[in-house]
N, C-alpha and C. Protein backbone atom coordinates (compact mmCIF):
# COMPACT_ATOMS: atom_id res chain seq x y z
N MET A 1 13.44 -3.90 -13.74
CA MET A 1 12.13 -4.34 -13.25
C MET A 1 12.14 -4.38 -11.72
N ASN A 2 12.40 -3.23 -11.10
CA ASN A 2 12.55 -3.18 -9.66
C ASN A 2 11.56 -2.20 -9.05
N TRP A 3 10.82 -2.63 -8.03
CA TRP A 3 9.91 -1.77 -7.31
C TRP A 3 9.57 -2.40 -5.97
N VAL A 4 8.85 -1.68 -5.12
CA VAL A 4 8.49 -2.20 -3.80
C VAL A 4 7.00 -2.00 -3.56
N ALA A 5 6.36 -3.06 -3.09
CA ALA A 5 4.95 -3.01 -2.72
C ALA A 5 4.85 -2.77 -1.22
N ILE A 6 3.91 -1.92 -0.81
CA ILE A 6 3.73 -1.64 0.61
C ILE A 6 2.27 -1.79 1.00
N ASP A 7 2.06 -2.03 2.29
CA ASP A 7 0.69 -2.04 2.83
C ASP A 7 0.73 -1.59 4.28
N PHE A 8 -0.09 -0.60 4.61
CA PHE A 8 -0.25 -0.14 5.99
C PHE A 8 -1.56 -0.68 6.56
N GLU A 9 -1.56 -0.98 7.86
CA GLU A 9 -2.78 -1.19 8.62
C GLU A 9 -2.84 -0.11 9.68
N THR A 10 -4.05 0.36 9.99
CA THR A 10 -4.19 1.46 10.94
C THR A 10 -5.00 1.03 12.16
N ALA A 11 -4.73 1.72 13.28
CA ALA A 11 -5.37 1.38 14.55
C ALA A 11 -6.77 1.96 14.66
N ASN A 12 -6.99 3.08 13.99
CA ASN A 12 -8.29 3.75 14.08
C ASN A 12 -8.52 4.57 12.81
N GLU A 13 -9.45 5.51 12.88
CA GLU A 13 -9.83 6.27 11.68
C GLU A 13 -8.79 7.30 11.25
N LYS A 14 -7.80 7.56 12.08
CA LYS A 14 -6.78 8.54 11.72
C LYS A 14 -5.73 7.92 10.82
N TYR A 15 -5.38 8.63 9.75
CA TYR A 15 -4.36 8.13 8.83
C TYR A 15 -3.02 7.95 9.54
N SER A 16 -2.76 8.76 10.56
CA SER A 16 -1.46 8.69 11.24
C SER A 16 -1.38 7.57 12.27
N SER A 17 -2.42 6.73 12.36
CA SER A 17 -2.46 5.68 13.38
C SER A 17 -1.93 4.34 12.88
N ALA A 18 -0.97 4.36 11.97
CA ALA A 18 -0.42 3.10 11.45
C ALA A 18 0.04 2.19 12.57
N CYS A 19 -0.37 0.93 12.51
CA CYS A 19 0.05 -0.05 13.51
C CYS A 19 0.84 -1.19 12.88
N ALA A 20 0.91 -1.23 11.56
CA ALA A 20 1.69 -2.26 10.87
C ALA A 20 2.05 -1.79 9.47
N LEU A 21 3.21 -2.21 9.02
CA LEU A 21 3.65 -1.96 7.65
C LEU A 21 4.23 -3.25 7.09
N GLY A 22 3.80 -3.61 5.89
CA GLY A 22 4.37 -4.75 5.18
C GLY A 22 4.98 -4.30 3.88
N ILE A 23 6.06 -4.96 3.46
CA ILE A 23 6.69 -4.64 2.19
C ILE A 23 7.00 -5.92 1.43
N ALA A 24 7.10 -5.79 0.11
CA ALA A 24 7.58 -6.87 -0.76
C ALA A 24 8.40 -6.23 -1.86
N ILE A 25 9.64 -6.62 -1.98
CA ILE A 25 10.56 -6.02 -2.95
C ILE A 25 10.64 -6.89 -4.20
N VAL A 26 10.43 -6.26 -5.35
CA VAL A 26 10.50 -6.95 -6.64
C VAL A 26 11.79 -6.55 -7.35
N GLU A 27 12.55 -7.54 -7.76
CA GLU A 27 13.73 -7.30 -8.59
C GLU A 27 13.80 -8.36 -9.67
N ASN A 28 13.99 -7.90 -10.90
CA ASN A 28 14.16 -8.80 -12.04
C ASN A 28 13.08 -9.86 -12.15
N GLY A 29 11.85 -9.41 -11.96
CA GLY A 29 10.71 -10.28 -12.22
C GLY A 29 10.32 -11.23 -11.11
N ARG A 30 10.87 -11.04 -9.91
CA ARG A 30 10.47 -11.91 -8.81
C ARG A 30 10.57 -11.16 -7.48
N ILE A 31 9.87 -11.67 -6.51
CA ILE A 31 9.91 -11.08 -5.18
C ILE A 31 11.13 -11.62 -4.45
N ILE A 32 12.05 -10.72 -4.08
CA ILE A 32 13.30 -11.17 -3.46
C ILE A 32 13.31 -10.95 -1.95
N LYS A 33 12.39 -10.14 -1.44
CA LYS A 33 12.35 -9.90 0.01
C LYS A 33 10.95 -9.53 0.42
N ARG A 34 10.55 -10.01 1.57
CA ARG A 34 9.28 -9.63 2.17
C ARG A 34 9.52 -9.42 3.66
N ALA A 35 8.83 -8.45 4.24
CA ALA A 35 9.05 -8.14 5.65
C ALA A 35 7.86 -7.36 6.19
N SER A 36 7.75 -7.31 7.51
CA SER A 36 6.69 -6.52 8.14
C SER A 36 7.13 -6.07 9.51
N TRP A 37 6.52 -5.00 9.98
CA TRP A 37 6.81 -4.43 11.28
C TRP A 37 5.50 -4.05 11.96
N LEU A 38 5.43 -4.26 13.25
CA LEU A 38 4.37 -3.67 14.06
C LEU A 38 4.85 -2.30 14.52
N ILE A 39 3.92 -1.34 14.56
CA ILE A 39 4.24 0.05 14.88
C ILE A 39 3.33 0.52 16.01
N ARG A 40 3.91 1.18 16.98
CA ARG A 40 3.10 1.78 18.05
C ARG A 40 2.63 3.16 17.61
N PRO A 41 1.31 3.37 17.45
CA PRO A 41 0.83 4.71 17.11
C PRO A 41 1.10 5.67 18.27
N ARG A 42 1.23 6.94 17.96
CA ARG A 42 1.46 7.94 19.02
C ARG A 42 0.30 7.91 20.01
N GLU A 43 -0.92 7.84 19.52
CA GLU A 43 -2.11 7.69 20.37
C GLU A 43 -2.48 6.22 20.38
N LEU A 44 -2.36 5.59 21.53
CA LEU A 44 -2.55 4.15 21.61
C LEU A 44 -4.04 3.81 21.77
N TYR A 45 -4.79 4.14 20.72
CA TYR A 45 -6.24 3.88 20.69
C TYR A 45 -6.56 3.04 19.47
N PHE A 46 -7.20 1.90 19.71
CA PHE A 46 -7.61 1.00 18.64
C PHE A 46 -9.12 0.97 18.53
N ASN A 47 -9.62 1.33 17.38
CA ASN A 47 -11.04 1.21 17.09
C ASN A 47 -11.39 -0.27 16.97
N TYR A 48 -12.51 -0.65 17.55
CA TYR A 48 -12.92 -2.06 17.52
C TYR A 48 -12.99 -2.59 16.09
N TYR A 49 -13.52 -1.77 15.19
CA TYR A 49 -13.69 -2.25 13.82
C TYR A 49 -12.35 -2.51 13.14
N ASN A 50 -11.38 -1.63 13.36
CA ASN A 50 -10.07 -1.84 12.76
C ASN A 50 -9.43 -3.13 13.26
N THR A 51 -9.53 -3.37 14.58
CA THR A 51 -9.00 -4.62 15.14
C THR A 51 -9.72 -5.82 14.57
N TYR A 52 -11.02 -5.69 14.38
CA TYR A 52 -11.80 -6.78 13.76
C TYR A 52 -11.28 -7.09 12.36
N ILE A 53 -10.88 -6.07 11.62
CA ILE A 53 -10.40 -6.27 10.26
C ILE A 53 -9.02 -6.93 10.23
N HIS A 54 -8.07 -6.39 11.00
CA HIS A 54 -6.69 -6.91 10.87
C HIS A 54 -6.20 -7.73 12.05
N GLY A 55 -6.93 -7.72 13.15
CA GLY A 55 -6.57 -8.57 14.29
C GLY A 55 -5.51 -8.01 15.21
N ILE A 56 -5.03 -6.79 14.97
CA ILE A 56 -3.98 -6.21 15.79
C ILE A 56 -4.62 -5.41 16.94
N THR A 57 -4.10 -5.58 18.15
CA THR A 57 -4.61 -4.88 19.33
C THR A 57 -3.52 -3.98 19.91
N LYS A 58 -3.93 -3.13 20.85
CA LYS A 58 -2.93 -2.26 21.49
C LYS A 58 -1.92 -3.06 22.29
N GLU A 59 -2.32 -4.24 22.78
CA GLU A 59 -1.38 -5.09 23.50
C GLU A 59 -0.26 -5.57 22.58
N ASP A 60 -0.59 -5.75 21.31
CA ASP A 60 0.41 -6.23 20.33
C ASP A 60 1.48 -5.18 20.05
N VAL A 61 1.14 -3.91 20.19
CA VAL A 61 2.05 -2.85 19.75
C VAL A 61 2.56 -1.96 20.87
N LYS A 62 2.06 -2.15 22.09
CA LYS A 62 2.39 -1.19 23.16
C LYS A 62 3.88 -1.09 23.44
N ASP A 63 4.63 -2.15 23.16
CA ASP A 63 6.08 -2.12 23.39
C ASP A 63 6.88 -2.02 22.09
N LYS A 64 6.21 -1.74 20.98
CA LYS A 64 6.88 -1.64 19.69
C LYS A 64 7.36 -0.21 19.43
N PRO A 65 8.31 -0.03 18.53
CA PRO A 65 8.80 1.32 18.21
C PRO A 65 7.72 2.15 17.51
N ARG A 66 7.82 3.45 17.67
CA ARG A 66 6.97 4.36 16.89
C ARG A 66 7.56 4.51 15.49
N PHE A 67 6.75 5.10 14.61
CA PHE A 67 7.16 5.23 13.21
C PHE A 67 8.47 5.97 13.07
N ASN A 68 8.65 7.05 13.82
CA ASN A 68 9.88 7.84 13.68
C ASN A 68 11.12 7.05 14.13
N GLU A 69 10.92 6.10 15.04
CA GLU A 69 12.03 5.28 15.50
C GLU A 69 12.40 4.20 14.48
N LEU A 70 11.48 3.90 13.59
CA LEU A 70 11.71 2.90 12.55
C LEU A 70 12.07 3.52 11.20
N TRP A 71 11.96 4.84 11.09
CA TRP A 71 12.09 5.49 9.79
C TRP A 71 13.42 5.20 9.11
N ASP A 72 14.52 5.18 9.86
CA ASP A 72 15.81 4.90 9.25
C ASP A 72 15.86 3.51 8.64
N GLU A 73 15.06 2.61 9.18
CA GLU A 73 14.96 1.25 8.63
C GLU A 73 14.03 1.21 7.42
N PHE A 74 12.95 1.99 7.47
CA PHE A 74 11.99 2.01 6.37
C PHE A 74 12.51 2.77 5.14
N ARG A 75 13.17 3.88 5.40
CA ARG A 75 13.48 4.84 4.33
C ARG A 75 14.18 4.22 3.12
N PRO A 76 15.20 3.34 3.29
CA PRO A 76 15.88 2.81 2.11
C PRO A 76 14.96 2.02 1.17
N PHE A 77 13.85 1.51 1.70
CA PHE A 77 12.92 0.77 0.85
C PHE A 77 12.03 1.70 0.01
N LEU A 78 11.98 2.98 0.38
CA LEU A 78 11.05 3.91 -0.25
C LEU A 78 11.73 5.03 -1.03
N ASP A 79 12.77 5.59 -0.48
CA ASP A 79 13.36 6.80 -1.05
C ASP A 79 13.96 6.53 -2.43
N GLY A 80 13.47 7.27 -3.42
CA GLY A 80 13.95 7.12 -4.78
C GLY A 80 13.44 5.89 -5.50
N LYS A 81 12.47 5.21 -4.89
CA LYS A 81 11.96 3.96 -5.45
C LYS A 81 10.60 4.16 -6.11
N ILE A 82 10.24 3.22 -6.97
CA ILE A 82 8.87 3.12 -7.45
C ILE A 82 8.11 2.26 -6.44
N VAL A 83 7.03 2.79 -5.91
CA VAL A 83 6.25 2.11 -4.88
C VAL A 83 4.89 1.76 -5.46
N ILE A 84 4.38 0.60 -5.08
CA ILE A 84 3.02 0.22 -5.47
C ILE A 84 2.24 -0.14 -4.22
N ALA A 85 0.93 0.04 -4.30
CA ALA A 85 0.04 -0.35 -3.21
C ALA A 85 -1.34 -0.59 -3.82
N HIS A 86 -2.17 -1.33 -3.11
CA HIS A 86 -3.53 -1.56 -3.59
C HIS A 86 -4.43 -0.55 -2.91
N ASN A 87 -5.12 0.27 -3.72
CA ASN A 87 -5.75 1.50 -3.23
C ASN A 87 -4.66 2.41 -2.69
N ALA A 88 -3.75 2.75 -3.57
CA ALA A 88 -2.54 3.48 -3.18
C ALA A 88 -2.85 4.83 -2.53
N SER A 89 -3.97 5.44 -2.85
CA SER A 89 -4.31 6.72 -2.24
C SER A 89 -4.39 6.59 -0.72
N PHE A 90 -4.86 5.44 -0.24
CA PHE A 90 -4.91 5.22 1.21
C PHE A 90 -3.50 5.11 1.80
N ASP A 91 -2.69 4.22 1.26
CA ASP A 91 -1.36 3.99 1.82
C ASP A 91 -0.47 5.22 1.71
N MET A 92 -0.58 5.95 0.61
CA MET A 92 0.20 7.17 0.47
C MET A 92 -0.28 8.25 1.46
N SER A 93 -1.57 8.28 1.74
CA SER A 93 -2.08 9.22 2.74
C SER A 93 -1.57 8.86 4.13
N VAL A 94 -1.53 7.57 4.44
CA VAL A 94 -0.99 7.14 5.73
C VAL A 94 0.47 7.57 5.84
N LEU A 95 1.26 7.29 4.82
CA LEU A 95 2.66 7.67 4.84
C LEU A 95 2.82 9.18 4.99
N ARG A 96 2.04 9.93 4.24
CA ARG A 96 2.12 11.39 4.29
C ARG A 96 1.78 11.93 5.68
N HIS A 97 0.72 11.39 6.30
CA HIS A 97 0.33 11.85 7.63
C HIS A 97 1.36 11.47 8.69
N LEU A 98 1.96 10.30 8.54
CA LEU A 98 3.00 9.90 9.49
C LEU A 98 4.22 10.81 9.40
N LEU A 99 4.63 11.11 8.18
CA LEU A 99 5.78 12.00 8.00
C LEU A 99 5.47 13.39 8.57
N ASP A 100 4.27 13.87 8.34
CA ASP A 100 3.87 15.17 8.88
C ASP A 100 3.84 15.14 10.41
N GLU A 101 3.28 14.08 10.98
CA GLU A 101 3.14 14.01 12.43
C GLU A 101 4.48 14.06 13.14
N TYR A 102 5.48 13.42 12.55
CA TYR A 102 6.79 13.35 13.20
C TYR A 102 7.80 14.34 12.61
N GLY A 103 7.33 15.20 11.72
CA GLY A 103 8.20 16.23 11.16
C GLY A 103 9.35 15.66 10.35
N ILE A 104 9.09 14.60 9.63
CA ILE A 104 10.13 13.94 8.83
C ILE A 104 10.06 14.46 7.39
N PRO A 105 11.18 14.87 6.81
CA PRO A 105 11.16 15.33 5.41
C PRO A 105 10.67 14.23 4.47
N TYR A 106 9.96 14.64 3.43
CA TYR A 106 9.41 13.67 2.49
C TYR A 106 10.52 13.02 1.65
N PRO A 107 10.48 11.71 1.51
CA PRO A 107 11.39 11.05 0.57
C PRO A 107 10.88 11.25 -0.85
N GLU A 108 11.71 10.96 -1.83
CA GLU A 108 11.30 11.02 -3.23
C GLU A 108 10.63 9.69 -3.58
N VAL A 109 9.31 9.72 -3.67
CA VAL A 109 8.54 8.50 -3.92
C VAL A 109 7.59 8.73 -5.08
N HIS A 110 7.65 7.86 -6.08
CA HIS A 110 6.64 7.79 -7.14
C HIS A 110 5.91 6.47 -7.00
N TYR A 111 4.63 6.48 -7.32
CA TYR A 111 3.87 5.27 -7.02
C TYR A 111 2.79 4.98 -8.08
N PHE A 112 2.38 3.72 -8.07
CA PHE A 112 1.27 3.24 -8.88
C PHE A 112 0.30 2.47 -7.98
N CYS A 113 -0.93 2.36 -8.43
CA CYS A 113 -1.97 1.62 -7.69
C CYS A 113 -2.31 0.34 -8.44
N THR A 114 -2.18 -0.80 -7.79
CA THR A 114 -2.48 -2.07 -8.47
C THR A 114 -3.97 -2.25 -8.73
N ARG A 115 -4.80 -1.57 -7.98
CA ARG A 115 -6.24 -1.63 -8.27
C ARG A 115 -6.52 -0.98 -9.62
N VAL A 116 -5.88 0.16 -9.85
CA VAL A 116 -6.04 0.86 -11.13
C VAL A 116 -5.44 0.03 -12.26
N LEU A 117 -4.27 -0.54 -12.03
CA LEU A 117 -3.63 -1.37 -13.06
C LEU A 117 -4.51 -2.57 -13.41
N ALA A 118 -5.01 -3.25 -12.37
CA ALA A 118 -5.82 -4.45 -12.60
C ALA A 118 -7.11 -4.14 -13.36
N LYS A 119 -7.71 -2.98 -13.08
CA LYS A 119 -8.92 -2.60 -13.81
C LYS A 119 -8.66 -2.45 -15.31
N LYS A 120 -7.48 -1.98 -15.65
CA LYS A 120 -7.12 -1.82 -17.05
C LYS A 120 -6.77 -3.16 -17.70
N VAL A 121 -6.06 -4.00 -16.95
CA VAL A 121 -5.58 -5.27 -17.52
C VAL A 121 -6.71 -6.31 -17.60
N TRP A 122 -7.57 -6.36 -16.56
CA TRP A 122 -8.68 -7.32 -16.53
C TRP A 122 -9.99 -6.56 -16.33
N PRO A 123 -10.50 -5.93 -17.37
CA PRO A 123 -11.64 -5.02 -17.23
C PRO A 123 -12.98 -5.69 -16.93
N THR A 124 -13.05 -7.00 -16.96
CA THR A 124 -14.35 -7.67 -16.78
C THR A 124 -14.50 -8.34 -15.42
N LEU A 125 -13.57 -8.15 -14.51
CA LEU A 125 -13.71 -8.76 -13.19
C LEU A 125 -14.89 -8.14 -12.44
N ASN A 126 -15.52 -8.93 -11.57
CA ASN A 126 -16.66 -8.44 -10.81
C ASN A 126 -16.24 -7.54 -9.65
N SER A 127 -15.03 -7.73 -9.17
CA SER A 127 -14.54 -6.94 -8.04
C SER A 127 -13.05 -6.72 -8.18
N TYR A 128 -12.60 -5.58 -7.69
CA TYR A 128 -11.16 -5.28 -7.73
C TYR A 128 -10.58 -5.12 -6.33
N ARG A 129 -11.25 -5.73 -5.36
CA ARG A 129 -10.67 -5.82 -4.03
C ARG A 129 -9.45 -6.73 -4.10
N LEU A 130 -8.50 -6.49 -3.22
CA LEU A 130 -7.24 -7.24 -3.27
C LEU A 130 -7.48 -8.74 -3.15
N ASN A 131 -8.37 -9.14 -2.26
CA ASN A 131 -8.61 -10.58 -2.08
C ASN A 131 -9.31 -11.19 -3.29
N MET A 132 -10.15 -10.42 -3.96
CA MET A 132 -10.87 -10.96 -5.12
C MET A 132 -9.94 -11.09 -6.33
N ILE A 133 -9.09 -10.10 -6.55
CA ILE A 133 -8.11 -10.21 -7.64
C ILE A 133 -7.15 -11.37 -7.36
N SER A 134 -6.72 -11.49 -6.11
CA SER A 134 -5.81 -12.58 -5.74
C SER A 134 -6.46 -13.93 -6.00
N ALA A 135 -7.73 -14.07 -5.63
CA ALA A 135 -8.43 -15.32 -5.88
C ALA A 135 -8.52 -15.61 -7.37
N HIS A 136 -8.81 -14.59 -8.15
CA HIS A 136 -8.91 -14.75 -9.61
C HIS A 136 -7.59 -15.24 -10.21
N LEU A 137 -6.47 -14.76 -9.64
CA LEU A 137 -5.15 -15.10 -10.18
C LEU A 137 -4.52 -16.31 -9.48
N GLY A 138 -5.22 -16.86 -8.50
CA GLY A 138 -4.67 -18.00 -7.78
C GLY A 138 -3.55 -17.65 -6.83
N ILE A 139 -3.57 -16.43 -6.30
CA ILE A 139 -2.55 -15.96 -5.36
C ILE A 139 -3.03 -16.21 -3.93
N SER A 140 -2.24 -16.93 -3.16
CA SER A 140 -2.58 -17.19 -1.77
C SER A 140 -2.51 -15.89 -0.97
N LEU A 141 -3.49 -15.67 -0.08
CA LEU A 141 -3.54 -14.40 0.64
C LEU A 141 -4.24 -14.56 1.98
N LYS A 142 -3.60 -14.07 3.04
CA LYS A 142 -4.25 -13.86 4.33
C LYS A 142 -4.56 -12.37 4.38
N HIS A 143 -5.78 -12.02 4.01
CA HIS A 143 -6.14 -10.63 3.77
C HIS A 143 -6.05 -9.79 5.04
N HIS A 144 -5.53 -8.56 4.90
CA HIS A 144 -5.35 -7.57 5.96
C HIS A 144 -4.21 -7.91 6.91
N ASP A 145 -3.39 -8.87 6.54
CA ASP A 145 -2.08 -9.01 7.15
C ASP A 145 -1.14 -8.16 6.30
N ALA A 146 -0.45 -7.19 6.89
CA ALA A 146 0.28 -6.19 6.11
C ALA A 146 1.29 -6.82 5.16
N GLU A 147 2.04 -7.79 5.63
CA GLU A 147 3.05 -8.43 4.77
C GLU A 147 2.39 -9.23 3.66
N GLU A 148 1.34 -9.98 4.00
CA GLU A 148 0.62 -10.77 3.00
C GLU A 148 0.01 -9.87 1.93
N ASP A 149 -0.58 -8.77 2.35
CA ASP A 149 -1.18 -7.85 1.38
C ASP A 149 -0.13 -7.24 0.46
N ALA A 150 1.03 -6.90 1.02
CA ALA A 150 2.10 -6.34 0.20
C ALA A 150 2.59 -7.36 -0.82
N VAL A 151 2.74 -8.61 -0.39
CA VAL A 151 3.19 -9.67 -1.31
C VAL A 151 2.16 -9.89 -2.42
N ALA A 152 0.88 -9.93 -2.05
CA ALA A 152 -0.17 -10.10 -3.07
C ALA A 152 -0.17 -8.94 -4.05
N CYS A 153 0.03 -7.74 -3.55
CA CYS A 153 0.12 -6.56 -4.42
C CYS A 153 1.28 -6.69 -5.40
N ALA A 154 2.43 -7.14 -4.90
CA ALA A 154 3.59 -7.35 -5.77
C ALA A 154 3.31 -8.41 -6.82
N GLU A 155 2.67 -9.49 -6.41
CA GLU A 155 2.33 -10.57 -7.35
C GLU A 155 1.39 -10.07 -8.43
N ILE A 156 0.40 -9.27 -8.05
CA ILE A 156 -0.54 -8.72 -9.03
C ILE A 156 0.18 -7.84 -10.03
N SER A 157 1.11 -7.03 -9.55
CA SER A 157 1.86 -6.16 -10.47
C SER A 157 2.67 -6.98 -11.47
N LEU A 158 3.25 -8.07 -11.01
CA LEU A 158 4.02 -8.93 -11.91
C LEU A 158 3.11 -9.61 -12.92
N ARG A 159 1.92 -10.03 -12.48
CA ARG A 159 0.97 -10.66 -13.42
C ARG A 159 0.48 -9.65 -14.44
N CYS A 160 0.30 -8.41 -14.02
CA CYS A 160 -0.10 -7.36 -14.97
C CYS A 160 0.97 -7.19 -16.04
N CYS A 161 2.23 -7.15 -15.62
CA CYS A 161 3.32 -7.01 -16.59
C CYS A 161 3.36 -8.19 -17.55
N ASP A 162 3.21 -9.39 -17.01
CA ASP A 162 3.22 -10.58 -17.86
C ASP A 162 2.08 -10.54 -18.88
N GLU A 163 0.92 -10.16 -18.39
CA GLU A 163 -0.27 -10.13 -19.25
C GLU A 163 -0.09 -9.14 -20.41
N MET A 164 0.60 -8.04 -20.14
CA MET A 164 0.75 -7.00 -21.15
C MET A 164 2.08 -7.10 -21.89
N GLY A 165 2.90 -8.10 -21.56
CA GLY A 165 4.14 -8.33 -22.29
C GLY A 165 5.20 -7.28 -22.08
N VAL A 166 5.29 -6.75 -20.85
CA VAL A 166 6.32 -5.76 -20.51
C VAL A 166 7.06 -6.23 -19.27
N SER A 167 8.19 -5.60 -19.00
CA SER A 167 8.98 -6.00 -17.84
C SER A 167 9.17 -4.87 -16.83
N ARG A 168 8.71 -3.66 -17.16
CA ARG A 168 8.86 -2.53 -16.25
C ARG A 168 7.50 -1.90 -15.98
N LEU A 169 7.31 -1.44 -14.74
CA LEU A 169 6.06 -0.78 -14.41
C LEU A 169 5.83 0.47 -15.24
N GLU A 170 6.90 1.20 -15.50
CA GLU A 170 6.77 2.41 -16.32
C GLU A 170 6.24 2.08 -17.71
N ASP A 171 6.72 0.97 -18.29
CA ASP A 171 6.23 0.56 -19.61
C ASP A 171 4.79 0.09 -19.54
N LEU A 172 4.46 -0.61 -18.44
CA LEU A 172 3.08 -1.05 -18.24
C LEU A 172 2.15 0.15 -18.16
N ALA A 173 2.52 1.14 -17.36
CA ALA A 173 1.69 2.33 -17.19
C ALA A 173 1.52 3.07 -18.51
N MET A 174 2.59 3.16 -19.27
CA MET A 174 2.51 3.85 -20.56
C MET A 174 1.57 3.11 -21.51
N LYS A 175 1.66 1.80 -21.49
CA LYS A 175 0.81 0.98 -22.37
C LYS A 175 -0.66 1.11 -21.98
N LEU A 176 -0.91 1.28 -20.68
CA LEU A 176 -2.29 1.35 -20.18
C LEU A 176 -2.81 2.79 -20.10
N GLY A 177 -1.94 3.77 -20.36
CA GLY A 177 -2.35 5.17 -20.28
C GLY A 177 -2.54 5.66 -18.86
N ILE A 178 -1.71 5.19 -17.94
CA ILE A 178 -1.80 5.56 -16.53
C ILE A 178 -0.59 6.39 -16.15
N THR A 179 -0.81 7.44 -15.39
CA THR A 179 0.26 8.31 -14.92
C THR A 179 0.63 7.95 -13.48
N ARG A 180 1.91 7.90 -13.19
CA ARG A 180 2.32 7.59 -11.82
C ARG A 180 2.07 8.78 -10.91
N GLY A 181 1.87 8.50 -9.63
CA GLY A 181 1.70 9.55 -8.64
C GLY A 181 3.03 9.88 -7.99
N ARG A 182 3.06 11.00 -7.31
CA ARG A 182 4.25 11.40 -6.56
C ARG A 182 3.83 11.85 -5.17
N LEU A 183 4.54 11.37 -4.16
CA LEU A 183 4.25 11.77 -2.79
C LEU A 183 4.48 13.26 -2.64
N ALA A 184 3.43 13.97 -2.20
CA ALA A 184 3.51 15.42 -2.05
C ALA A 184 2.73 15.83 -0.82
N ALA A 185 3.11 16.95 -0.23
CA ALA A 185 2.53 17.37 1.04
C ALA A 185 1.02 17.55 0.96
N ASP A 186 0.51 18.05 -0.16
CA ASP A 186 -0.93 18.28 -0.29
C ASP A 186 -1.62 17.20 -1.10
N ASN A 187 -0.89 16.11 -1.40
CA ASN A 187 -1.43 15.00 -2.19
C ASN A 187 -1.90 15.44 -3.56
N SER A 188 -1.35 16.56 -4.06
CA SER A 188 -1.81 17.12 -5.33
C SER A 188 -1.27 16.35 -6.54
N ASN A 189 -0.30 15.49 -6.33
CA ASN A 189 0.32 14.80 -7.46
C ASN A 189 -0.06 13.33 -7.53
N ARG A 190 -1.24 13.00 -7.02
CA ARG A 190 -1.71 11.63 -7.20
C ARG A 190 -2.04 11.41 -8.66
N PRO A 191 -2.07 10.14 -9.11
CA PRO A 191 -2.35 9.90 -10.52
C PRO A 191 -3.71 10.44 -10.92
N PRO A 192 -3.81 11.20 -12.00
CA PRO A 192 -5.09 11.78 -12.39
C PRO A 192 -6.13 10.76 -12.79
N LYS A 193 -5.70 9.53 -13.13
CA LYS A 193 -6.65 8.50 -13.52
C LYS A 193 -7.34 7.88 -12.32
N ARG A 194 -6.82 8.13 -11.11
CA ARG A 194 -7.36 7.53 -9.90
C ARG A 194 -8.20 8.55 -9.15
N LYS A 195 -9.44 8.24 -8.86
CA LYS A 195 -10.30 9.15 -8.13
C LYS A 195 -10.47 8.66 -6.69
N LEU A 196 -10.46 9.59 -5.75
CA LEU A 196 -10.62 9.20 -4.35
C LEU A 196 -12.05 8.79 -4.04
N SER A 197 -13.02 9.35 -4.76
CA SER A 197 -14.44 9.02 -4.65
C SER A 197 -14.88 8.80 -3.21
N ASN A 198 -15.28 7.57 -2.88
CA ASN A 198 -15.86 7.33 -1.57
C ASN A 198 -14.84 7.00 -0.50
N LEU A 199 -13.55 7.07 -0.85
CA LEU A 199 -12.53 6.60 0.08
C LEU A 199 -12.54 7.36 1.39
N MET A 200 -12.90 8.67 1.32
CA MET A 200 -12.87 9.48 2.52
C MET A 200 -14.24 9.60 3.20
N LYS A 201 -15.27 9.05 2.60
CA LYS A 201 -16.61 9.25 3.13
C LYS A 201 -16.87 8.45 4.40
N ARG A 202 -16.33 7.23 4.44
CA ARG A 202 -16.52 6.40 5.62
C ARG A 202 -15.15 5.90 6.02
N ARG A 203 -14.37 6.74 6.67
CA ARG A 203 -12.95 6.46 6.89
C ARG A 203 -12.75 5.21 7.72
N ASN A 204 -13.67 4.91 8.61
CA ASN A 204 -13.49 3.74 9.46
C ASN A 204 -13.66 2.43 8.71
N TYR A 205 -14.26 2.50 7.52
CA TYR A 205 -14.55 1.29 6.76
C TYR A 205 -13.74 1.17 5.48
N ARG A 206 -12.76 2.08 5.30
CA ARG A 206 -12.07 2.14 4.03
C ARG A 206 -11.27 0.87 3.75
N LYS A 207 -10.77 0.18 4.77
CA LYS A 207 -9.91 -0.97 4.53
C LYS A 207 -10.66 -2.15 3.91
N THR A 208 -11.97 -2.23 4.11
CA THR A 208 -12.71 -3.37 3.58
C THR A 208 -12.72 -3.39 2.07
N SER A 209 -12.52 -2.25 1.43
CA SER A 209 -12.53 -2.18 -0.03
C SER A 209 -11.24 -2.70 -0.64
N ARG A 210 -10.29 -3.04 0.20
CA ARG A 210 -9.00 -3.48 -0.29
C ARG A 210 -8.98 -4.99 -0.39
């Protein structure tokens, strides 16, 4: 029962503008580690709306490492692991664009989306935004803080497993009829049950749906 939840925050409308990454590691039914990093985007431009959402400014990251300088630290948490994220298509796109921007070979990553899982497990909720699901489950959350979002995502995945009486994400997905995604250069291996729909239509506002 081991996997890692991730959450990226971005400085602007570009997927490659990650300014923060949060993780939460799940082992044997509990969260054993949580961490976060501030990241300096290659282009140090912050859209006002993005800063309004997550509170991070260029002053916060101007002296921080770039993604490629942190990759050796990030990679062990991702490579060969099962990864989860809320609205995973967004976070996987951020990761993919960052790897492309810095010419970093793709790690072996398979992933699930907790928004998709939650829709299957609790089909009558009014909203499947991360903060709304967290409120429904009594999970404390400072929304759009990368580490807090990753921890909430991990908690939701554990509650999904409990609700369905399984201990592994793979068993949960099989029970719910969901296929895991795989990180790929053209994003062609995302889970077929998950549709991108409006995610790309208003890129500057995509984070509010989380």
